[in-house]
N, C-alpha and C. Protein backbone atom coordinates (compact mmCIF):
# COMPACT_ATOMS: atom_id res chain seq x y z
N MET A 1 -43.62 -37.09 -113.05
CA MET A 1 -43.49 -36.60 -111.68
C MET A 1 -42.41 -35.52 -111.63
N ILE A 2 -42.69 -34.45 -110.92
CA ILE A 2 -41.74 -33.36 -110.73
C ILE A 2 -40.97 -33.64 -109.44
N ASP A 3 -39.64 -33.67 -109.53
CA ASP A 3 -38.87 -33.90 -108.31
C ASP A 3 -38.01 -32.70 -107.93
N PHE A 4 -38.35 -31.52 -108.48
CA PHE A 4 -37.67 -30.30 -108.10
C PHE A 4 -38.62 -29.11 -108.22
N ASP A 5 -38.33 -28.06 -107.46
CA ASP A 5 -39.06 -26.79 -107.58
C ASP A 5 -38.04 -25.68 -107.37
N PHE A 6 -37.76 -24.92 -108.41
CA PHE A 6 -36.75 -23.87 -108.35
C PHE A 6 -37.32 -22.49 -108.09
N HIS A 7 -38.60 -22.41 -107.72
CA HIS A 7 -39.18 -21.09 -107.46
C HIS A 7 -40.25 -21.19 -106.38
N THR A 8 -39.84 -21.01 -105.14
CA THR A 8 -40.78 -20.99 -104.01
C THR A 8 -40.50 -19.76 -103.16
N HIS A 9 -41.44 -19.43 -102.30
CA HIS A 9 -41.30 -18.30 -101.39
C HIS A 9 -41.74 -18.75 -100.00
N THR A 10 -41.25 -18.04 -98.98
CA THR A 10 -41.64 -18.36 -97.60
C THR A 10 -42.11 -17.11 -96.87
N HIS A 11 -42.93 -17.33 -95.89
CA HIS A 11 -43.48 -16.27 -95.04
C HIS A 11 -42.68 -16.23 -93.74
N PRO A 12 -42.33 -15.13 -93.19
CA PRO A 12 -42.73 -13.77 -93.53
C PRO A 12 -41.77 -13.04 -94.47
N GLN A 13 -40.73 -13.69 -94.97
CA GLN A 13 -39.76 -13.00 -95.83
C GLN A 13 -40.39 -12.49 -97.12
N SER A 14 -41.34 -13.20 -97.68
CA SER A 14 -42.05 -12.77 -98.89
C SER A 14 -43.53 -12.65 -98.56
N ASN A 15 -44.10 -11.49 -98.83
CA ASN A 15 -45.51 -11.29 -98.49
C ASN A 15 -46.48 -12.03 -99.41
N CYS A 16 -45.97 -12.68 -100.45
CA CYS A 16 -46.83 -13.48 -101.33
C CYS A 16 -46.90 -14.94 -100.89
N ALA A 17 -46.25 -15.28 -99.78
CA ALA A 17 -46.22 -16.66 -99.31
C ALA A 17 -47.02 -16.81 -98.03
N SER A 18 -47.46 -18.04 -97.76
CA SER A 18 -48.23 -18.30 -96.55
C SER A 18 -47.59 -19.34 -95.65
N GLN A 19 -46.48 -19.95 -96.10
CA GLN A 19 -45.83 -21.00 -95.32
C GLN A 19 -44.45 -20.57 -94.85
N THR A 20 -44.09 -21.00 -93.63
CA THR A 20 -42.74 -20.76 -93.14
C THR A 20 -41.78 -21.72 -93.87
N VAL A 21 -40.49 -21.51 -93.69
CA VAL A 21 -39.50 -22.41 -94.29
C VAL A 21 -39.76 -23.85 -93.83
N GLU A 22 -39.98 -24.03 -92.54
CA GLU A 22 -40.20 -25.37 -91.99
C GLU A 22 -41.44 -26.03 -92.61
N GLU A 23 -42.52 -25.27 -92.72
CA GLU A 23 -43.76 -25.81 -93.31
C GLU A 23 -43.56 -26.17 -94.77
N LEU A 24 -42.86 -25.32 -95.51
CA LEU A 24 -42.62 -25.57 -96.93
C LEU A 24 -41.77 -26.82 -97.12
N VAL A 25 -40.71 -26.97 -96.35
CA VAL A 25 -39.84 -28.13 -96.48
C VAL A 25 -40.60 -29.42 -96.19
N LYS A 26 -41.43 -29.42 -95.15
CA LYS A 26 -42.23 -30.61 -94.85
C LYS A 26 -43.17 -30.93 -96.00
N ARG A 27 -43.80 -29.91 -96.57
CA ARG A 27 -44.78 -30.12 -97.64
C ARG A 27 -44.13 -30.66 -98.92
N VAL A 28 -42.98 -30.09 -99.30
CA VAL A 28 -42.33 -30.57 -100.51
C VAL A 28 -41.77 -31.98 -100.32
N HIS A 29 -41.32 -32.28 -99.12
CA HIS A 29 -40.84 -33.64 -98.83
C HIS A 29 -41.97 -34.65 -99.00
N LEU A 30 -43.14 -34.33 -98.46
CA LEU A 30 -44.29 -35.22 -98.60
C LEU A 30 -44.73 -35.37 -100.05
N ALA A 31 -44.47 -34.35 -100.85
CA ALA A 31 -44.84 -34.39 -102.27
C ALA A 31 -43.80 -35.12 -103.11
N GLY A 32 -42.70 -35.53 -102.50
CA GLY A 32 -41.67 -36.25 -103.24
C GLY A 32 -40.68 -35.37 -103.97
N ILE A 33 -40.66 -34.08 -103.64
CA ILE A 33 -39.72 -33.17 -104.27
C ILE A 33 -38.38 -33.29 -103.57
N ASN A 34 -37.32 -33.53 -104.35
CA ASN A 34 -35.99 -33.75 -103.79
C ASN A 34 -35.09 -32.52 -103.82
N ILE A 35 -35.38 -31.57 -104.70
CA ILE A 35 -34.56 -30.37 -104.86
C ILE A 35 -35.47 -29.15 -104.75
N LEU A 36 -35.06 -28.20 -103.90
CA LEU A 36 -35.90 -27.03 -103.62
C LEU A 36 -35.05 -25.77 -103.63
N ALA A 37 -35.55 -24.73 -104.28
CA ALA A 37 -34.92 -23.41 -104.24
C ALA A 37 -35.94 -22.43 -103.68
N ILE A 38 -35.53 -21.69 -102.65
CA ILE A 38 -36.39 -20.66 -102.06
C ILE A 38 -35.93 -19.31 -102.60
N CYS A 39 -36.83 -18.59 -103.24
CA CYS A 39 -36.51 -17.34 -103.94
C CYS A 39 -37.30 -16.18 -103.34
N ASN A 40 -37.05 -15.87 -102.09
CA ASN A 40 -37.78 -14.77 -101.45
C ASN A 40 -37.40 -13.45 -102.09
N HIS A 41 -38.33 -12.52 -102.10
CA HIS A 41 -38.15 -11.23 -102.74
C HIS A 41 -37.27 -10.30 -101.92
N ASP A 42 -36.22 -9.76 -102.53
CA ASP A 42 -35.42 -8.65 -102.00
C ASP A 42 -34.84 -8.89 -100.62
N THR A 43 -34.55 -10.15 -100.25
CA THR A 43 -33.96 -10.38 -98.94
C THR A 43 -33.25 -11.73 -98.90
N ILE A 44 -32.27 -11.82 -98.04
CA ILE A 44 -31.63 -13.10 -97.74
C ILE A 44 -31.72 -13.34 -96.23
N SER A 45 -32.70 -12.69 -95.59
CA SER A 45 -32.80 -12.75 -94.13
C SER A 45 -33.14 -14.14 -93.60
N GLY A 46 -33.62 -15.04 -94.43
CA GLY A 46 -33.94 -16.37 -93.97
C GLY A 46 -32.74 -17.30 -93.89
N LEU A 47 -31.58 -16.84 -94.37
CA LEU A 47 -30.39 -17.69 -94.36
C LEU A 47 -29.83 -17.84 -92.96
N SER A 48 -29.33 -19.02 -92.66
CA SER A 48 -28.64 -19.25 -91.39
C SER A 48 -27.25 -18.63 -91.48
N LYS A 49 -26.75 -18.25 -90.33
CA LYS A 49 -25.41 -17.65 -90.30
C LYS A 49 -24.36 -18.71 -90.22
């Protein structure tokens, strides 16, 4: 079983992704993934201030 994913992307920050941050977090939680890294291309605009 994989309990981490160190390479994911979110929409709209990365045009290769189809899920928002919220959707991705819900999906990985349901899959049993405990550690997640979001690696959007050329931006940090999804970070909270």
